[in-house]
N, C-alpha and C. Protein backbone atom coordinates (compact mmCIF):
# COMPACT_ATOMS: atom_id res chain seq x y z
N MET A 1 0.80 -1.14 0.24
CA MET A 1 0.17 -0.10 -0.09
C MET A 1 0.96 1.09 0.09
N GLY A 2 2.11 1.10 0.59
CA GLY A 2 2.89 2.44 0.51
C GLY A 2 3.30 3.06 -0.51
N ILE A 3 3.49 2.24 -1.36
CA ILE A 3 3.96 2.53 -2.96
C ILE A 3 2.50 3.10 -3.81
N ALA A 4 1.46 2.56 -3.48
CA ALA A 4 0.07 3.18 -4.12
C ALA A 4 0.05 4.42 -3.75
N MET A 5 0.19 4.69 -2.42
CA MET A 5 -0.16 6.02 -1.67
C MET A 5 0.94 6.76 -2.20
N ASP A 6 2.15 6.75 -2.37
CA ASP A 6 3.08 7.42 -2.81
C ASP A 6 2.87 7.94 -4.26
N ALA A 7 2.36 7.25 -4.93
CA ALA A 7 2.05 7.40 -6.78
C ALA A 7 0.82 8.22 -6.78
N ARG A 8 -0.15 7.87 -5.71
CA ARG A 8 -1.22 8.95 -5.85
C ARG A 8 -0.96 10.10 -5.23
N GLU A 9 -0.28 10.49 -4.27
CA GLU A 9 0.38 11.72 -3.60
C GLU A 9 1.00 12.39 -4.90
N TRP A 10 1.75 11.79 -5.67
CA TRP A 10 2.67 12.61 -6.55
C TRP A 10 1.88 12.68 -7.84
N TRP A 11 1.09 12.13 -8.38
CA TRP A 11 0.01 12.42 -9.21
C TRP A 11 -1.01 13.50 -8.77
N THR A 12 -1.47 13.39 -7.67
CA THR A 12 -2.04 14.69 -7.26
C THR A 12 -1.21 16.24 -6.78
N VAL A 13 -0.02 15.88 -6.52
CA VAL A 13 0.82 17.08 -6.82
C VAL A 13 1.06 17.62 -8.06
N ARG A 14 1.09 16.82 -8.91
CA ARG A 14 1.93 16.81 -10.46
C ARG A 14 0.32 17.39 -11.18
N ARG A 15 -0.70 17.09 -10.99
CA ARG A 15 -1.57 17.51 -11.52
C ARG A 15 -1.98 19.13 -10.71
N GLN A 16 -1.98 19.22 -9.87
CA GLN A 16 -1.72 20.64 -8.98
C GLN A 16 -1.25 21.70 -10.16
N ASP A 17 0.33 21.02 -9.92
CA ASP A 17 1.33 21.89 -10.95
C ASP A 17 0.87 22.11 -12.14
N MET A 18 0.21 21.08 -12.83
CA MET A 18 -0.31 21.24 -14.36
C MET A 18 -1.29 22.37 -14.25
N SER A 19 -2.35 22.24 -13.32
CA SER A 19 -3.44 23.60 -13.37
C SER A 19 -2.82 24.63 -12.93
N MET A 20 -1.61 24.94 -12.03
CA MET A 20 -1.24 26.07 -11.82
C MET A 20 -0.71 26.74 -13.28
N ALA A 21 0.11 25.89 -13.92
CA ALA A 21 0.68 26.36 -15.34
C ALA A 21 -0.21 26.89 -16.43
N SER A 22 -1.49 26.29 -16.12
CA SER A 22 -2.42 26.77 -17.03
C SER A 22 -3.53 27.76 -16.75
N MET A 23 -2.79 28.45 -15.76
CA MET A 23 -3.89 29.68 -15.32
C MET A 23 -3.39 30.82 -16.05
N PRO A 24 -4.24 31.92 -16.31
CA PRO A 24 -4.31 33.05 -17.17
C PRO A 24 -3.09 33.68 -16.82
N SER A 25 -2.16 34.18 -17.63
CA SER A 25 -1.29 35.21 -17.37
C SER A 25 -1.51 36.48 -16.84
N PRO A 26 -0.96 37.39 -16.42
CA PRO A 26 -1.04 38.52 -16.11
C PRO A 26 -1.17 39.48 -17.47
N PRO A 27 -2.24 40.48 -17.32
CA PRO A 27 -2.03 41.21 -18.64
C PRO A 27 -1.05 41.59 -19.20
N LEU A 28 -0.47 41.95 -20.49
CA LEU A 28 0.78 42.31 -20.69
C LEU A 28 0.66 44.00 -20.77
N ASN A 29 1.79 44.73 -20.68
CA ASN A 29 1.76 46.17 -21.05
C ASN A 29 2.22 46.26 -22.16
N SER A 30 2.08 47.49 -22.51
CA SER A 30 2.46 47.83 -24.11
C SER A 30 3.92 47.45 -24.69
N ASN A 31 4.67 47.38 -24.10
CA ASN A 31 5.97 47.25 -24.32
C ASN A 31 6.05 45.21 -24.58
N GLN A 32 5.50 44.72 -23.66
CA GLN A 32 5.55 43.32 -23.93
C GLN A 32 4.54 43.19 -24.90
N HIS A 33 3.49 43.69 -25.01
CA HIS A 33 2.34 43.35 -26.42
C HIS A 33 3.37 43.69 -27.58
N ARG A 34 4.16 44.80 -27.81
CA ARG A 34 4.82 44.98 -28.85
C ARG A 34 5.99 43.79 -29.10
N ALA A 35 6.43 43.53 -28.15
CA ALA A 35 7.64 42.66 -28.49
C ALA A 35 6.93 41.37 -28.93
N GLU A 36 5.56 40.73 -28.04
CA GLU A 36 5.30 39.81 -28.72
C GLU A 36 4.76 39.91 -30.25
N GLN A 37 4.06 41.16 -30.54
CA GLN A 37 3.82 41.25 -31.99
C GLN A 37 5.04 41.08 -32.91
N TYR A 38 6.17 41.86 -32.65
CA TYR A 38 7.30 41.59 -33.74
C TYR A 38 7.87 40.13 -33.45
N SER A 39 7.81 39.44 -32.45
CA SER A 39 8.40 38.05 -32.52
C SER A 39 7.37 37.49 -33.22
N HIS A 40 6.05 37.61 -33.35
CA HIS A 40 4.93 36.95 -34.23
C HIS A 40 5.11 37.07 -35.49
N ASP A 41 5.42 38.48 -35.99
CA ASP A 41 5.70 38.91 -37.31
C ASP A 41 7.24 38.35 -37.55
N GLY A 42 8.11 38.08 -36.94
CA GLY A 42 9.35 37.41 -37.28
C GLY A 42 9.39 36.10 -37.34
N VAL A 43 8.35 35.43 -36.79
CA VAL A 43 7.91 33.89 -37.02
C VAL A 43 7.06 33.47 -38.51
N LYS A 44 6.36 34.58 -38.69
CA LYS A 44 5.52 34.53 -39.84
C LYS A 44 6.49 34.52 -41.20
N ALA A 45 7.42 35.71 -40.98
CA ALA A 45 8.24 35.75 -42.01
C ALA A 45 9.25 34.92 -42.54
N GLY A 46 9.78 34.21 -41.24
CA GLY A 46 10.43 33.20 -41.23
C GLY A 46 9.77 31.90 -41.99
N ALA A 47 8.72 31.53 -41.29
CA ALA A 47 8.29 30.38 -42.05
C ALA A 47 7.84 30.55 -43.54
N LYS A 48 7.57 31.79 -44.12
CA LYS A 48 7.51 32.40 -45.41
C LYS A 48 8.80 31.91 -46.16
N ALA A 49 10.03 32.43 -45.44
CA ALA A 49 11.25 32.30 -45.93
C ALA A 49 11.58 30.81 -45.99
N ALA A 50 11.46 30.03 -45.15
CA ALA A 50 11.74 28.68 -45.08
C ALA A 50 11.03 27.84 -46.11
N THR A 51 9.66 28.20 -46.60
CA THR A 51 9.01 27.42 -47.32
C THR A 51 9.50 27.63 -48.72
N ILE A 52 10.04 29.21 -48.79
CA ILE A 52 10.33 29.12 -50.27
C ILE A 52 11.95 28.64 -50.57
N THR A 53 12.53 28.75 -49.33
CA THR A 53 14.07 28.21 -49.68
C THR A 53 13.63 26.57 -49.63
N PHE A 54 12.82 26.06 -49.13
CA PHE A 54 12.66 24.50 -49.05
C PHE A 54 12.50 24.19 -50.62
N ILE A 55 11.37 24.83 -51.34
CA ILE A 55 11.24 24.61 -52.90
C ILE A 55 12.35 24.96 -53.65
N ALA A 56 13.15 25.98 -53.36
CA ALA A 56 14.09 26.52 -54.01
C ALA A 56 15.44 25.46 -54.19
N SER A 57 15.60 24.53 -52.76
CA SER A 57 16.84 24.05 -52.66
C SER A 57 16.56 22.47 -53.08
N ALA A 58 15.32 22.29 -52.80
CA ALA A 58 14.83 20.78 -53.02
C ALA A 58 14.90 20.42 -54.61
N ILE A 59 14.64 21.33 -55.28
CA ILE A 59 14.66 21.07 -56.72
C ILE A 59 15.95 20.41 -57.26
N PRO A 60 17.04 21.70 -57.07
CA PRO A 60 18.40 21.02 -57.48
C PRO A 60 19.02 20.38 -56.79
N VAL A 61 18.50 20.07 -55.64
CA VAL A 61 19.37 18.83 -54.81
C VAL A 61 18.88 17.72 -55.24
N LEU A 62 17.14 17.22 -55.45
CA LEU A 62 16.75 16.08 -55.58
C LEU A 62 17.37 15.90 -57.18
N MET A 63 17.19 17.14 -58.01
CA MET A 63 17.55 16.71 -59.54
C MET A 63 18.93 16.12 -59.67
N GLY A 64 20.11 16.88 -58.99
CA GLY A 64 21.30 16.56 -58.98
C GLY A 64 21.74 15.29 -58.37
N ALA A 65 20.84 15.01 -57.58
CA ALA A 65 21.11 13.59 -56.86
C ALA A 65 20.62 12.38 -58.35
N ARG A 66 19.75 12.97 -58.78
CA ARG A 66 19.61 11.83 -59.96
C ARG A 66 20.44 11.95 -61.26
N ALA A 67 21.08 13.15 -61.30
CA ALA A 67 21.37 13.44 -62.82
C ALA A 67 23.08 13.48 -62.76
N ILE A 68 23.74 13.83 -61.56
CA ILE A 68 25.15 14.05 -61.38
C ILE A 68 25.48 12.80 -60.57
N PRO A 69 26.73 11.97 -61.76
CA PRO A 69 27.26 10.79 -61.01
C PRO A 69 27.74 10.35 -59.76
N TRP A 70 28.47 11.67 -59.10
CA TRP A 70 29.11 11.77 -57.72
C TRP A 70 27.85 11.66 -57.02
N ALA A 71 26.89 12.81 -57.17
CA ALA A 71 26.14 12.95 -56.24
C ALA A 71 25.13 11.67 -56.19
N ARG A 72 24.93 11.02 -57.09
CA ARG A 72 24.09 9.66 -57.13
C ARG A 72 24.85 8.50 -56.13
N ALA A 73 26.19 8.60 -56.22
CA ALA A 73 26.68 7.53 -55.66
C ALA A 73 27.09 7.92 -54.21
N ASN A 74 26.93 9.26 -53.90
CA ASN A 74 27.19 9.54 -52.53
C ASN A 74 26.22 10.00 -51.52
N LEU A 75 25.21 10.54 -52.33
CA LEU A 75 23.79 11.14 -51.52
C LEU A 75 22.76 10.46 -51.38
N ASN A 76 22.81 9.46 -50.31
CA ASN A 76 21.28 8.95 -50.14
C ASN A 76 20.48 9.86 -49.96
N TYR A 77 19.12 9.04 -49.45
CA TYR A 77 17.77 9.87 -49.24
C TYR A 77 18.17 10.69 -47.91
N ALA A 78 18.82 10.16 -47.09
CA ALA A 78 18.96 10.80 -45.74
C ALA A 78 19.86 12.33 -45.90
N ALA A 79 20.95 11.97 -47.02
CA ALA A 79 21.79 13.14 -47.01
C ALA A 79 20.97 14.05 -47.85
N GLN A 80 20.07 13.86 -48.36
CA GLN A 80 19.23 14.97 -49.54
C GLN A 80 18.56 15.58 -48.52
N ALA A 81 17.62 14.93 -47.70
CA ALA A 81 16.60 15.57 -46.76
C ALA A 81 17.69 16.52 -45.91
N HIS A 82 18.76 15.95 -45.64
CA HIS A 82 19.49 16.99 -44.70
C HIS A 82 19.93 17.97 -44.86
N ILE A 83 20.28 18.01 -46.25
CA ILE A 83 20.69 19.32 -46.92
C ILE A 83 19.57 20.17 -47.29
N ILE A 84 18.31 19.73 -47.81
CA ILE A 84 17.29 20.53 -47.74
C ILE A 84 16.62 21.29 -46.40
N SER A 85 16.62 20.38 -45.56
CA SER A 85 16.35 21.02 -43.92
C SER A 85 17.14 21.80 -43.61
N LEU A 86 18.62 21.67 -43.26
CA LEU A 86 19.62 22.60 -43.08
C LEU A 86 19.26 23.99 -43.87
N VAL A 87 19.02 23.96 -45.14
CA VAL A 87 19.12 25.27 -45.97
C VAL A 87 17.61 25.88 -45.08
N SER A 88 16.55 25.30 -45.25
CA SER A 88 15.50 25.66 -44.80
C SER A 88 15.59 26.27 -43.25
N GLY A 89 15.88 25.65 -42.53
CA GLY A 89 16.03 25.90 -41.19
C GLY A 89 17.02 27.69 -41.09
N ALA A 90 17.95 27.21 -41.87
CA ALA A 90 18.89 28.25 -41.77
C ALA A 90 18.21 29.41 -42.26
N ALA A 91 17.38 29.52 -43.41
CA ALA A 91 16.37 30.74 -43.76
C ALA A 91 15.65 31.17 -42.83
N TYR A 92 15.16 30.15 -42.45
CA TYR A 92 13.99 30.52 -41.12
C TYR A 92 14.77 31.03 -40.08
N PHE A 93 15.78 30.90 -39.55
CA PHE A 93 16.21 31.88 -38.20
C PHE A 93 17.03 33.26 -38.84
N VAL A 94 17.80 33.18 -39.87
CA VAL A 94 18.17 34.37 -40.41
C VAL A 94 16.84 35.51 -40.61
N VAL A 95 16.05 35.25 -41.57
CA VAL A 95 15.10 36.13 -41.71
C VAL A 95 14.13 36.41 -40.38
N ALA A 96 13.51 35.59 -39.49
CA ALA A 96 13.17 35.76 -38.32
C ALA A 96 13.79 36.81 -37.48
N ASP A 97 15.26 36.29 -37.40
CA ASP A 97 15.96 37.04 -36.68
C ASP A 97 16.10 38.68 -37.09
N LYS A 98 16.12 39.02 -38.44
CA LYS A 98 16.42 40.20 -39.14
C LYS A 98 15.19 40.92 -39.04
N THR A 99 14.06 39.94 -39.00
CA THR A 99 12.78 40.72 -38.92
C THR A 99 12.27 41.40 -37.86
N ILE A 100 12.69 40.63 -36.80
CA ILE A 100 12.46 41.01 -35.31
C ILE A 100 13.35 42.20 -34.95
N LEU A 101 14.81 42.18 -35.60
CA LEU A 101 15.69 43.37 -34.86
C LEU A 101 15.57 44.50 -36.20
N ALA A 102 14.77 44.17 -37.24
CA ALA A 102 14.31 45.64 -37.71
C ALA A 102 13.28 46.20 -37.06
N SER A 103 12.21 45.49 -36.63
CA SER A 103 11.14 46.11 -35.55
C SER A 103 11.56 46.68 -34.62
N ALA A 104 12.48 46.06 -33.88
CA ALA A 104 13.00 46.75 -32.63
C ALA A 104 13.74 48.22 -33.16
N ARG A 105 14.48 47.95 -34.02
CA ARG A 105 15.06 49.31 -34.53
C ARG A 105 14.25 50.33 -34.96
N LYS A 106 13.35 49.88 -35.66
CA LYS A 106 12.19 50.83 -35.96
C LYS A 106 11.30 51.36 -34.55
N ASN A 107 11.00 50.63 -33.83
CA ASN A 107 10.49 51.03 -32.76
C ASN A 107 11.60 52.04 -31.65
N SER A 108 12.63 51.64 -31.63
CA SER A 108 13.75 52.61 -30.95
C SER A 108 13.60 53.79 -31.36
N PHE A 109 13.99 54.01 -33.05
CA PHE A 109 14.12 55.04 -33.69
C PHE A 109 12.63 56.05 -33.40
N GLU A 110 11.65 55.33 -33.46
CA GLU A 110 10.58 56.31 -33.32
C GLU A 110 10.41 56.64 -31.51
N LYS A 111 10.86 55.78 -30.49
CA LYS A 111 11.12 56.43 -29.27
C LYS A 111 11.87 57.49 -29.50
N LEU A 112 13.09 57.68 -29.83
CA LEU A 112 14.21 58.76 -29.91
C LEU A 112 13.53 59.82 -30.56
N ALA A 113 12.80 59.55 -31.74
CA ALA A 113 12.42 60.79 -32.44
C ALA A 113 11.22 61.06 -31.44
N SER A 114 10.35 60.66 -30.83
CA SER A 114 9.23 61.58 -29.86
C SER A 114 9.68 62.06 -28.57
N HIS A 115 11.27 61.76 -28.17
CA HIS A 115 11.63 62.39 -26.77
C HIS A 115 12.79 63.36 -27.57
N VAL A 116 13.43 63.53 -28.50
CA VAL A 116 14.41 64.59 -28.66
C VAL A 116 13.63 65.25 -30.08
N GLU A 117 13.78 66.45 -29.88
CA GLU A 117 13.64 67.69 -30.55
C GLU A 117 15.12 67.95 -31.39
N PHE A 118 14.97 67.99 -32.88
CA PHE A 118 16.51 67.87 -33.31
C PHE A 118 16.17 69.61 -33.66
N PRO A 119 17.15 70.35 -33.74
CA PRO A 119 17.27 71.57 -34.35
C PRO A 119 17.15 71.71 -35.53
N LEU A 120 16.65 72.75 -36.48
CA LEU A 120 16.79 72.81 -37.93
C LEU A 120 17.50 74.04 -38.25
């Protein structure tokens, strides 16, 4: 009975922890909301770039693996998939990072312009 009681107590604590994790978070302030929006925009831009890069890299890799003798001998299906996924993943992270940084830079320049008056 000792093991069953311990297991029941463990599941009770775990269930309480899980219910606490699903509690609503406090409302976001404007900076947090803006940061969340910028990251969401970065994810969307990165996904678009990864999709385009996937298509643009899959066609030459797959055709090259069928037509070029060296590639036919040395690039199995796993290697072809690895090349395509690496290129797509790199495109995703580069574009997402650039989008987020561009949004943050634009936001910081807008704040600077609103706080500082430049003499004419």
